[in-house]
């Protein structure tokens, strides 16, 4: 096969006894801790033109928003998610995966963790905003059952002014 596991990088396909193991099977999901913020911030900064800053992430944890990180076998943070839950509604505040692991279902696993928590907190609906230009995120949310319910004009900063946000929603409980 040639090369060691290190030569292939921490997020690439790994080989065990001649058997290929896909990266999404090697990703762990755990609660976000304050010590994860530098790694989370590094992913945020390479992923967005207008990233959140360290203070925002720390404030989210301080006020009790739920956070998760996706980690590889070496416990390196490769993705993260933040969720707010109040009065029967859960809101995905931020969800991001390291560029080299996108398309590997890491985001889907983070959404699953948020969905479980939202249900445990008796939320009836899970909501989020997404840029219309973020086609891959829109495909993910559609596949996971989210529906567009509104548009928030000028919600996001952009290089040529403001960009709208699509407000998406997914019911977590059946209607009576």
C-alpha atoms as a PDB file:
ATOM      1  CA  UNK A   1       0.000   0.000   0.000  1.00  0.00           C
ATOM      2  CA  UNK A   2       2.901   2.342   0.627  1.00  0.00           C
ATOM      3  CA  UNK A   3       3.073   5.152   3.143  1.00  0.00           C
ATOM      4  CA  UNK A   4       2.036   5.250   6.736  1.00  0.00           C
ATOM      5  CA  UNK A   5      -1.275   6.395   8.153  1.00  0.00           C
ATOM      6  CA  UNK A   6       0.411   9.720   8.943  1.00  0.00           C
ATOM      7  CA  UNK A   7       1.364  10.111   5.264  1.00  0.00           C
ATOM      8  CA  UNK A   8      -2.282   9.983   4.315  1.00  0.00           C
ATOM      9  CA  UNK A   9      -3.275  12.659   6.852  1.00  0.00           C
ATOM     10  CA  UNK A  10      -5.600  12.394   9.833  1.00  0.00           C
ATOM     11  CA  UNK A  11      -8.853  12.791   7.886  1.00  0.00           C
ATOM     12  CA  UNK A  12      -8.250  10.600   4.885  1.00  0.00           C
ATOM     13  CA  UNK A  13      -9.302   7.007   4.409  1.00  0.00           C
ATOM     14  CA  UNK A  14      -7.568   4.756   6.925  1.00  0.00           C
ATOM     15  CA  UNK A  15      -6.450   1.181   6.425  1.00  0.00           C
ATOM     16  CA  UNK A  16      -6.693  -1.492   9.075  1.00  0.00           C
ATOM     17  CA  UNK A  17      -5.431  -5.005   8.275  1.00  0.00           C
ATOM     18  CA  UNK A  18      -5.914  -4.314   4.567  1.00  0.00           C
ATOM     19  CA  UNK A  19      -9.539  -3.160   5.013  1.00  0.00           C
ATOM     20  CA  UNK A  20     -10.565   0.341   4.012  1.00  0.00           C
ATOM     21  CA  UNK A  21     -12.493   2.260   6.664  1.00  0.00           C
ATOM     22  CA  UNK A  22     -14.350   5.409   5.606  1.00  0.00           C
ATOM     23  CA  UNK A  23     -13.721   8.571   7.680  1.00  0.00           C
ATOM     24  CA  UNK A  24     -17.331   9.092   8.832  1.00  0.00           C
ATOM     25  CA  UNK A  25     -17.114   5.779  10.687  1.00  0.00           C
ATOM     26  CA  UNK A  26     -14.133   7.083  12.629  1.00  0.00           C
ATOM     27  CA  UNK A  27     -15.690  10.347  13.809  1.00  0.00           C
ATOM     28  CA  UNK A  28     -16.717  10.723  17.432  1.00  0.00           C
ATOM     29  CA  UNK A  29     -19.269  13.248  18.683  1.00  0.00           C
ATOM     30  CA  UNK A  30     -18.989  14.711  22.171  1.00  0.00           C
ATOM     31  CA  UNK A  31     -19.990  17.813  24.089  1.00  0.00           C
ATOM     32  CA  UNK A  32     -18.058  20.982  23.317  1.00  0.00           C
ATOM     33  CA  UNK A  33     -15.768  22.211  26.090  1.00  0.00           C
ATOM     34  CA  UNK A  34     -14.152  25.614  26.594  1.00  0.00           C
ATOM     35  CA  UNK A  35     -10.811  24.032  25.677  1.00  0.00           C
ATOM     36  CA  UNK A  36     -12.206  23.191  22.220  1.00  0.00           C
ATOM     37  CA  UNK A  37     -12.759  26.839  21.300  1.00  0.00           C
ATOM     38  CA  UNK A  38      -9.330  27.427  19.669  1.00  0.00           C
ATOM     39  CA  UNK A  39      -9.806  24.419  17.346  1.00  0.00           C
ATOM     40  CA  UNK A  40     -13.421  25.415  16.650  1.00  0.00           C
ATOM     41  CA  UNK A  41     -12.310  28.957  15.873  1.00  0.00           C
ATOM     42  CA  UNK A  42      -9.643  27.690  13.453  1.00  0.00           C
ATOM     43  CA  UNK A  43     -12.298  25.778  11.463  1.00  0.00           C
ATOM     44  CA  UNK A  44     -14.662  28.769  11.598  1.00  0.00           C
ATOM     45  CA  UNK A  45     -11.984  31.133  10.259  1.00  0.00           C
ATOM     46  CA  UNK A  46     -11.065  28.961   7.254  1.00  0.00           C
ATOM     47  CA  UNK A  47     -14.723  28.316   6.475  1.00  0.00           C
ATOM     48  CA  UNK A  48     -16.393  31.719   6.523  1.00  0.00           C
ATOM     49  CA  UNK A  49     -15.685  35.140   5.107  1.00  0.00           C
ATOM     50  CA  UNK A  50     -17.354  36.648   8.168  1.00  0.00           C
ATOM     51  CA  UNK A  51     -16.497  34.235  10.991  1.00  0.00           C
ATOM     52  CA  UNK A  52     -17.672  34.321  14.563  1.00  0.00           C
ATOM     53  CA  UNK A  53     -14.947  35.426  16.973  1.00  0.00           C
ATOM     54  CA  UNK A  54     -13.675  33.661  20.070  1.00  0.00           C
ATOM     55  CA  UNK A  55     -15.835  35.766  22.392  1.00  0.00           C
ATOM     56  CA  UNK A  56     -19.034  34.657  20.633  1.00  0.00           C
ATOM     57  CA  UNK A  57     -18.168  30.961  21.033  1.00  0.00           C
ATOM     58  CA  UNK A  58     -17.196  31.404  24.681  1.00  0.00           C
ATOM     59  CA  UNK A  59     -20.363  33.410  25.383  1.00  0.00           C
ATOM     60  CA  UNK A  60     -22.510  30.668  23.808  1.00  0.00           C
ATOM     61  CA  UNK A  61     -21.000  28.098  26.170  1.00  0.00           C
ATOM     62  CA  UNK A  62     -21.162  30.467  29.149  1.00  0.00           C
ATOM     63  CA  UNK A  63     -24.897  31.138  28.756  1.00  0.00           C
ATOM     64  CA  UNK A  64     -25.658  27.438  28.450  1.00  0.00           C
ATOM     65  CA  UNK A  65     -26.201  26.848  24.742  1.00  0.00           C
ATOM     66  CA  UNK A  66     -25.514  23.228  23.872  1.00  0.00           C
ATOM     67  CA  UNK A  67     -22.392  22.565  21.835  1.00  0.00           C
ATOM     68  CA  UNK A  68     -20.860  19.490  20.212  1.00  0.00           C
ATOM     69  CA  UNK A  69     -17.629  18.726  18.459  1.00  0.00           C
ATOM     70  CA  UNK A  70     -16.836  16.002  15.979  1.00  0.00           C
ATOM     71  CA  UNK A  71     -13.405  14.483  16.563  1.00  0.00           C
ATOM     72  CA  UNK A  72     -11.157  12.152  14.630  1.00  0.00           C
ATOM     73  CA  UNK A  73      -9.309   9.154  16.059  1.00  0.00           C
ATOM     74  CA  UNK A  74      -6.649  11.460  17.453  1.00  0.00           C
ATOM     75  CA  UNK A  75      -9.346  13.542  19.239  1.00  0.00           C
ATOM     76  CA  UNK A  76      -8.651  16.484  16.912  1.00  0.00           C
ATOM     77  CA  UNK A  77     -11.737  18.654  16.410  1.00  0.00           C
ATOM     78  CA  UNK A  78     -12.972  18.370  12.811  1.00  0.00           C
ATOM     79  CA  UNK A  79     -16.432  19.927  13.161  1.00  0.00           C
ATOM     80  CA  UNK A  80     -18.750  21.611  15.622  1.00  0.00           C
ATOM     81  CA  UNK A  81     -22.336  22.625  16.285  1.00  0.00           C
ATOM     82  CA  UNK A  82     -24.178  24.961  18.645  1.00  0.00           C
ATOM     83  CA  UNK A  83     -27.845  24.751  19.621  1.00  0.00           C
ATOM     84  CA  UNK A  84     -30.216  26.964  21.569  1.00  0.00           C
ATOM     85  CA  UNK A  85     -33.434  25.537  23.030  1.00  0.00           C
ATOM     86  CA  UNK A  86     -36.231  27.633  24.536  1.00  0.00           C
ATOM     87  CA  UNK A  87     -40.018  27.431  24.823  1.00  0.00           C
ATOM     88  CA  UNK A  88     -40.516  24.402  22.596  1.00  0.00           C
ATOM     89  CA  UNK A  89     -38.182  25.615  19.855  1.00  0.00           C
ATOM     90  CA  UNK A  90     -34.617  24.559  19.106  1.00  0.00           C
ATOM     91  CA  UNK A  91     -32.404  26.706  16.920  1.00  0.00           C
ATOM     92  CA  UNK A  92     -29.175  25.591  15.242  1.00  0.00           C
ATOM     93  CA  UNK A  93     -26.888  28.561  15.790  1.00  0.00           C
ATOM     94  CA  UNK A  94     -23.787  27.308  14.016  1.00  0.00           C
ATOM     95  CA  UNK A  95     -22.716  24.127  12.253  1.00  0.00           C
ATOM     96  CA  UNK A  96     -19.418  23.683  10.449  1.00  0.00           C
ATOM     97  CA  UNK A  97     -17.062  20.912   9.342  1.00  0.00           C
ATOM     98  CA  UNK A  98     -13.368  21.170   8.436  1.00  0.00           C
ATOM     99  CA  UNK A  99     -13.008  21.585   4.659  1.00  0.00           C
ATOM    100  CA  UNK A 100     -11.252  18.232   4.101  1.00  0.00           C
ATOM    101  CA  UNK A 101     -14.086  16.301   5.767  1.00  0.00           C
ATOM    102  CA  UNK A 102     -17.066  17.935   4.089  1.00  0.00           C
ATOM    103  CA  UNK A 103     -19.327  15.500   2.285  1.00  0.00           C
ATOM    104  CA  UNK A 104     -18.424  12.702   4.718  1.00  0.00           C
ATOM    105  CA  UNK A 105     -21.657  12.929   6.779  1.00  0.00           C
ATOM    106  CA  UNK A 106     -19.941  14.649   9.713  1.00  0.00           C
ATOM    107  CA  UNK A 107     -22.477  17.503   9.605  1.00  0.00           C
ATOM    108  CA  UNK A 108     -25.291  14.962   9.473  1.00  0.00           C
ATOM    109  CA  UNK A 109     -24.006  13.300  12.648  1.00  0.00           C
ATOM    110  CA  UNK A 110     -23.822  16.685  14.379  1.00  0.00           C
ATOM    111  CA  UNK A 111     -27.409  17.465  13.331  1.00  0.00           C
ATOM    112  CA  UNK A 112     -28.458  14.057  14.701  1.00  0.00           C
ATOM    113  CA  UNK A 113     -26.867  14.934  18.068  1.00  0.00           C
ATOM    114  CA  UNK A 114     -28.671  18.294  18.120  1.00  0.00           C
ATOM    115  CA  UNK A 115     -31.968  16.644  17.166  1.00  0.00           C
ATOM    116  CA  UNK A 116     -31.677  14.125  20.013  1.00  0.00           C
ATOM    117  CA  UNK A 117     -30.964  16.941  22.481  1.00  0.00           C
ATOM    118  CA  UNK A 118     -33.795  19.109  21.155  1.00  0.00           C
ATOM    119  CA  UNK A 119     -36.238  16.224  21.576  1.00  0.00           C
ATOM    120  CA  UNK A 120     -34.918  15.507  25.079  1.00  0.00           C
ATOM    121  CA  UNK A 121     -35.530  19.193  25.890  1.00  0.00           C
ATOM    122  CA  UNK A 122     -39.122  18.860  24.579  1.00  0.00           C
ATOM    123  CA  UNK A 123     -38.611  21.077  21.541  1.00  0.00           C
ATOM    124  CA  UNK A 124     -41.345  20.685  18.965  1.00  0.00           C
ATOM    125  CA  UNK A 125     -39.421  22.239  16.093  1.00  0.00           C
ATOM    126  CA  UNK A 126     -35.794  22.577  15.002  1.00  0.00           C
ATOM    127  CA  UNK A 127     -34.939  25.740  13.054  1.00  0.00           C
ATOM    128  CA  UNK A 128     -31.937  27.315  11.351  1.00  0.00           C
ATOM    129  CA  UNK A 129     -30.873  29.985   8.897  1.00  0.00           C
ATOM    130  CA  UNK A 130     -28.799  29.205   5.817  1.00  0.00           C
ATOM    131  CA  UNK A 131     -27.416  31.348   3.025  1.00  0.00           C
ATOM    132  CA  UNK A 132     -29.133  30.768  -0.335  1.00  0.00           C
ATOM    133  CA  UNK A 133     -25.606  30.559  -1.812  1.00  0.00           C
ATOM    134  CA  UNK A 134     -24.652  27.628   0.473  1.00  0.00           C
ATOM    135  CA  UNK A 135     -25.873  24.895  -1.880  1.00  0.00           C
ATOM    136  CA  UNK A 136     -24.217  21.974  -0.065  1.00  0.00           C
ATOM    137  CA  UNK A 137     -25.778  22.940   3.288  1.00  0.00           C
ATOM    138  CA  UNK A 138     -29.168  23.394   1.621  1.00  0.00           C
ATOM    139  CA  UNK A 139     -28.916  19.883   0.122  1.00  0.00           C
ATOM    140  CA  UNK A 140     -28.035  18.452   3.536  1.00  0.00           C
ATOM    141  CA  UNK A 141     -30.952  20.147   5.268  1.00  0.00           C
ATOM    142  CA  UNK A 142     -33.379  19.089   2.540  1.00  0.00           C
ATOM    143  CA  UNK A 143     -32.190  15.474   2.861  1.00  0.00           C
ATOM    144  CA  UNK A 144     -32.726  15.705   6.645  1.00  0.00           C
ATOM    145  CA  UNK A 145     -36.311  16.888   6.232  1.00  0.00           C
ATOM    146  CA  UNK A 146     -36.025  20.641   6.758  1.00  0.00           C
ATOM    147  CA  UNK A 147     -38.520  22.869   4.921  1.00  0.00           C
ATOM    148  CA  UNK A 148     -38.202  26.514   3.974  1.00  0.00           C
ATOM    149  CA  UNK A 149     -40.652  28.604   5.984  1.00  0.00           C
ATOM    150  CA  UNK A 150     -39.448  32.181   5.432  1.00  0.00           C
ATOM    151  CA  UNK A 151     -36.706  34.470   4.179  1.00  0.00           C
ATOM    152  CA  UNK A 152     -34.856  36.899   6.431  1.00  0.00           C
ATOM    153  CA  UNK A 153     -33.829  39.799   4.159  1.00  0.00           C
ATOM    154  CA  UNK A 154     -30.257  41.085   4.520  1.00  0.00           C
ATOM    155  CA  UNK A 155     -29.447  38.684   7.356  1.00  0.00           C
ATOM    156  CA  UNK A 156     -25.830  37.833   6.493  1.00  0.00           C
ATOM    157  CA  UNK A 157     -22.920  40.179   5.715  1.00  0.00           C
ATOM    158  CA  UNK A 158     -21.417  39.701   2.288  1.00  0.00           C
ATOM    159  CA  UNK A 159     -18.665  41.148   0.086  1.00  0.00           C
ATOM    160  CA  UNK A 160     -21.182  43.107  -1.968  1.00  0.00           C
ATOM    161  CA  UNK A 161     -23.658  44.092   0.743  1.00  0.00           C
ATOM    162  CA  UNK A 162     -26.001  41.832   2.640  1.00  0.00           C
ATOM    163  CA  UNK A 163     -27.297  38.358   1.760  1.00  0.00           C
ATOM    164  CA  UNK A 164     -30.710  37.004   2.704  1.00  0.00           C
ATOM    165  CA  UNK A 165     -31.114  33.961   4.931  1.00  0.00           C
ATOM    166  CA  UNK A 166     -33.499  31.123   4.264  1.00  0.00           C
ATOM    167  CA  UNK A 167     -35.266  30.131   7.467  1.00  0.00           C
ATOM    168  CA  UNK A 168     -35.696  26.358   7.566  1.00  0.00           C
ATOM    169  CA  UNK A 169     -37.699  24.270   9.983  1.00  0.00           C
ATOM    170  CA  UNK A 170     -38.222  20.609  10.828  1.00  0.00           C
ATOM    171  CA  UNK A 171     -40.978  19.382  13.126  1.00  0.00           C
ATOM    172  CA  UNK A 172     -39.745  17.089  15.885  1.00  0.00           C
ATOM    173  CA  UNK A 173     -43.145  15.963  17.114  1.00  0.00           C
ATOM    174  CA  UNK A 174     -46.237  14.861  15.241  1.00  0.00           C
ATOM    175  CA  UNK A 175     -49.146  17.256  15.056  1.00  0.00           C
ATOM    176  CA  UNK A 176     -52.070  16.176  17.225  1.00  0.00           C
END
